[in-house]
Amino acid sequence: MKKVFFIVSLLLLTFISFSQSKKIVGSWILRDSIEAMQFFINEDGAIKERSGLANEDIWEKVQRTGTYTFNDRGKLVITWSDKNIENREVKFEDNFNAAKIKFVGKKGKPGKTYLFVRIVDEEVAPDK
């Protein structure tokens, strides 16, 4: 009986962790009066980032690429293609349509927190 309970618990934890990590997948954008930043996070562990000033067209900017890991506690670790590693803390809001992302500085020092919004590139509404 203990083995069955353990296996069921393990499966539930795996499912919960998997579903939480899937929530980070997608396109996220930040745009305020000073800067703009966009992330595209793939399910396969790839990440792309574009950033610039608020009045610039960031879609025309060269993007940084890398890989990421994301755990159920909201820790996002990005390894960019230049081998630079960045740590971020993610807290979802508005039913996973917004995310407060805290950029963690070197040696674990707290950095700025930004509010990103999930964007949908194309949305097809069914005919009524």
C-alpha atoms as a PDB file:
ATOM      1  CA  MET A   1       0.000   0.000   0.000  1.00  0.00           C
ATOM      2  CA  LYS A   2       2.846   2.380   0.815  1.00  0.00           C
ATOM      3  CA  LYS A   3       4.405   1.700  -2.599  1.00  0.00           C
ATOM      4  CA  VAL A   4       1.151   2.557  -4.380  1.00  0.00           C
ATOM      5  CA  PHE A   5       0.799   5.782  -2.382  1.00  0.00           C
ATOM      6  CA  PHE A   6       4.422   6.692  -3.129  1.00  0.00           C
ATOM      7  CA  ILE A   7       4.020   6.066  -6.871  1.00  0.00           C
ATOM      8  CA  VAL A   8       0.779   8.042  -7.051  1.00  0.00           C
ATOM      9  CA  SER A   9       2.381  10.921  -5.113  1.00  0.00           C
ATOM     10  CA  LEU A  10       5.391  10.896  -7.397  1.00  0.00           C
ATOM     11  CA  LEU A  11       3.190  10.968 -10.498  1.00  0.00           C
ATOM     12  CA  LEU A  12       1.135  13.849  -9.118  1.00  0.00           C
ATOM     13  CA  LEU A  13       4.250  15.855  -8.258  1.00  0.00           C
ATOM     14  CA  THR A  14       5.646  15.212 -11.721  1.00  0.00           C
ATOM     15  CA  PHE A  15       2.386  16.317 -13.317  1.00  0.00           C
ATOM     16  CA  ILE A  16       2.176  19.461 -11.182  1.00  0.00           C
ATOM     17  CA  SER A  17       5.796  20.388 -11.907  1.00  0.00           C
ATOM     18  CA  PHE A  18       5.376  19.690 -15.607  1.00  0.00           C
ATOM     19  CA  SER A  19       2.234  21.764 -15.897  1.00  0.00           C
ATOM     20  CA  GLN A  20       3.842  24.652 -13.986  1.00  0.00           C
ATOM     21  CA  SER A  21       6.896  24.618 -16.221  1.00  0.00           C
ATOM     22  CA  LYS A  22       4.706  24.616 -19.333  1.00  0.00           C
ATOM     23  CA  LYS A  23       3.199  27.931 -18.182  1.00  0.00           C
ATOM     24  CA  ILE A  24       6.478  29.722 -18.970  1.00  0.00           C
ATOM     25  CA  VAL A  25       6.363  28.591 -22.598  1.00  0.00           C
ATOM     26  CA  GLY A  26       5.280  31.318 -25.004  1.00  0.00           C
ATOM     27  CA  SER A  27       5.992  34.892 -25.969  1.00  0.00           C
ATOM     28  CA  TRP A  28       6.378  37.544 -23.255  1.00  0.00           C
ATOM     29  CA  ILE A  29       6.786  41.299 -23.663  1.00  0.00           C
ATOM     30  CA  LEU A  30       7.630  44.255 -21.431  1.00  0.00           C
ATOM     31  CA  ARG A  31       7.246  47.805 -22.635  1.00  0.00           C
ATOM     32  CA  ASP A  32       7.448  50.812 -20.339  1.00  0.00           C
ATOM     33  CA  SER A  33       8.406  54.453 -20.849  1.00  0.00           C
ATOM     34  CA  ILE A  34      12.129  53.637 -21.023  1.00  0.00           C
ATOM     35  CA  GLU A  35      12.694  50.148 -22.378  1.00  0.00           C
ATOM     36  CA  ALA A  36      11.169  47.226 -24.212  1.00  0.00           C
ATOM     37  CA  MET A  37      12.038  43.543 -23.917  1.00  0.00           C
ATOM     38  CA  GLN A  38      10.615  40.400 -25.502  1.00  0.00           C
ATOM     39  CA  PHE A  39      11.222  36.737 -24.728  1.00  0.00           C
ATOM     40  CA  PHE A  40      10.171  33.759 -26.779  1.00  0.00           C
ATOM     41  CA  ILE A  41      10.392  30.604 -24.695  1.00  0.00           C
ATOM     42  CA  ASN A  42      10.075  27.250 -26.452  1.00  0.00           C
ATOM     43  CA  GLU A  43       8.912  24.001 -24.921  1.00  0.00           C
ATOM     44  CA  ASP A  44      12.155  22.314 -26.060  1.00  0.00           C
ATOM     45  CA  GLY A  45      14.290  24.441 -23.700  1.00  0.00           C
ATOM     46  CA  ALA A  46      15.289  27.156 -26.185  1.00  0.00           C
ATOM     47  CA  ILE A  47      14.904  30.859 -25.396  1.00  0.00           C
ATOM     48  CA  LYS A  48      15.274  34.011 -27.499  1.00  0.00           C
ATOM     49  CA  GLU A  49      15.418  37.601 -26.264  1.00  0.00           C
ATOM     50  CA  ARG A  50      15.240  40.994 -27.928  1.00  0.00           C
ATOM     51  CA  SER A  51      15.543  44.287 -26.089  1.00  0.00           C
ATOM     52  CA  GLY A  52      15.979  47.985 -26.705  1.00  0.00           C
ATOM     53  CA  LEU A  53      14.630  51.403 -25.872  1.00  0.00           C
ATOM     54  CA  ALA A  54      10.870  51.887 -25.676  1.00  0.00           C
ATOM     55  CA  ASN A  55      10.759  53.975 -28.850  1.00  0.00           C
ATOM     56  CA  GLU A  56      12.708  51.385 -30.899  1.00  0.00           C
ATOM     57  CA  ASP A  57      11.262  48.547 -32.958  1.00  0.00           C
ATOM     58  CA  ILE A  58      12.661  45.621 -30.969  1.00  0.00           C
ATOM     59  CA  TRP A  59      11.378  43.133 -33.559  1.00  0.00           C
ATOM     60  CA  GLU A  60      14.133  44.388 -35.884  1.00  0.00           C
ATOM     61  CA  LYS A  61      16.832  43.889 -33.238  1.00  0.00           C
ATOM     62  CA  VAL A  62      19.267  40.980 -33.263  1.00  0.00           C
ATOM     63  CA  GLN A  63      18.084  38.402 -30.775  1.00  0.00           C
ATOM     64  CA  ARG A  64      20.067  36.631 -28.087  1.00  0.00           C
ATOM     65  CA  THR A  65      19.604  32.895 -28.016  1.00  0.00           C
ATOM     66  CA  GLY A  66      20.184  30.296 -25.360  1.00  0.00           C
ATOM     67  CA  THR A  67      18.676  27.512 -23.314  1.00  0.00           C
ATOM     68  CA  TYR A  68      16.743  27.599 -20.062  1.00  0.00           C
ATOM     69  CA  THR A  69      15.524  25.522 -17.163  1.00  0.00           C
ATOM     70  CA  PHE A  70      12.467  26.418 -15.116  1.00  0.00           C
ATOM     71  CA  ASN A  71      11.410  24.722 -11.907  1.00  0.00           C
ATOM     72  CA  ASP A  72       8.162  24.558  -9.948  1.00  0.00           C
ATOM     73  CA  ARG A  73       9.401  27.198  -7.467  1.00  0.00           C
ATOM     74  CA  GLY A  74       9.606  29.786 -10.251  1.00  0.00           C
ATOM     75  CA  LYS A  75      13.364  29.779 -10.746  1.00  0.00           C
ATOM     76  CA  LEU A  76      14.337  30.475 -14.351  1.00  0.00           C
ATOM     77  CA  VAL A  77      17.988  29.832 -15.224  1.00  0.00           C
ATOM     78  CA  ILE A  78      19.123  30.969 -18.672  1.00  0.00           C
ATOM     79  CA  THR A  79      22.388  29.963 -20.304  1.00  0.00           C
ATOM     80  CA  TRP A  80      22.982  32.260 -23.268  1.00  0.00           C
ATOM     81  CA  SER A  81      24.945  31.144 -26.318  1.00  0.00           C
ATOM     82  CA  ASP A  82      27.921  33.232 -25.120  1.00  0.00           C
ATOM     83  CA  LYS A  83      27.964  31.017 -21.959  1.00  0.00           C
ATOM     84  CA  ASN A  84      26.676  33.850 -19.751  1.00  0.00           C
ATOM     85  CA  ILE A  85      24.270  32.491 -17.111  1.00  0.00           C
ATOM     86  CA  GLU A  86      21.395  34.557 -15.707  1.00  0.00           C
ATOM     87  CA  ASN A  87      19.039  33.696 -12.849  1.00  0.00           C
ATOM     88  CA  ARG A  88      15.510  35.024 -12.673  1.00  0.00           C
ATOM     89  CA  GLU A  89      12.594  34.529 -10.325  1.00  0.00           C
ATOM     90  CA  VAL A  90       9.140  34.271 -11.902  1.00  0.00           C
ATOM     91  CA  LYS A  91       5.773  34.835 -10.217  1.00  0.00           C
ATOM     92  CA  PHE A  92       2.724  34.408 -12.428  1.00  0.00           C
ATOM     93  CA  GLU A  93      -0.317  36.659 -12.177  1.00  0.00           C
ATOM     94  CA  ASP A  94      -3.648  37.058 -13.927  1.00  0.00           C
ATOM     95  CA  ASN A  95      -4.173  33.350 -14.596  1.00  0.00           C
ATOM     96  CA  PHE A  96      -0.669  32.963 -16.104  1.00  0.00           C
ATOM     97  CA  ASN A  97      -1.194  35.860 -18.548  1.00  0.00           C
ATOM     98  CA  ALA A  98       1.300  38.088 -16.735  1.00  0.00           C
ATOM     99  CA  ALA A  99       4.550  37.358 -14.948  1.00  0.00           C
ATOM    100  CA  LYS A 100       6.625  39.391 -12.539  1.00  0.00           C
ATOM    101  CA  ILE A 101      10.203  38.504 -13.412  1.00  0.00           C
ATOM    102  CA  LYS A 102      12.928  39.486 -10.978  1.00  0.00           C
ATOM    103  CA  PHE A 103      16.400  39.658 -12.479  1.00  0.00           C
ATOM    104  CA  VAL A 104      18.876  38.327  -9.938  1.00  0.00           C
ATOM    105  CA  GLY A 105      22.235  40.084  -9.924  1.00  0.00           C
ATOM    106  CA  LYS A 106      25.670  38.613  -9.523  1.00  0.00           C
ATOM    107  CA  LYS A 107      26.340  36.779  -6.260  1.00  0.00           C
ATOM    108  CA  GLY A 108      22.581  36.492  -5.667  1.00  0.00           C
ATOM    109  CA  LYS A 109      21.990  40.214  -5.177  1.00  0.00           C
ATOM    110  CA  PRO A 110      18.390  41.209  -5.903  1.00  0.00           C
ATOM    111  CA  GLY A 111      17.864  43.048  -9.158  1.00  0.00           C
ATOM    112  CA  LYS A 112      14.971  44.852 -10.804  1.00  0.00           C
ATOM    113  CA  THR A 113      11.535  43.289 -11.116  1.00  0.00           C
ATOM    114  CA  TYR A 114       9.655  43.700 -14.391  1.00  0.00           C
ATOM    115  CA  LEU A 115       6.056  42.910 -15.325  1.00  0.00           C
ATOM    116  CA  PHE A 116       5.837  40.923 -18.557  1.00  0.00           C
ATOM    117  CA  VAL A 117       2.612  40.197 -20.406  1.00  0.00           C
ATOM    118  CA  ARG A 118       1.999  37.041 -22.418  1.00  0.00           C
ATOM    119  CA  ILE A 119       1.276  37.889 -26.034  1.00  0.00           C
ATOM    120  CA  VAL A 120      -0.389  35.847 -28.728  1.00  0.00           C
ATOM    121  CA  ASP A 121       1.043  36.493 -32.169  1.00  0.00           C
ATOM    122  CA  GLU A 122      -2.010  35.340 -34.048  1.00  0.00           C
ATOM    123  CA  GLU A 123      -5.411  34.513 -32.704  1.00  0.00           C
ATOM    124  CA  VAL A 124      -8.068  32.922 -34.872  1.00  0.00           C
ATOM    125  CA  ALA A 125     -11.630  33.342 -33.702  1.00  0.00           C
ATOM    126  CA  PRO A 126     -14.084  30.727 -34.979  1.00  0.00           C
ATOM    127  CA  ASP A 127     -16.947  31.943 -37.157  1.00  0.00           C
ATOM    128  CA  LYS A 128     -20.308  32.028 -35.449  1.00  0.00           C
END
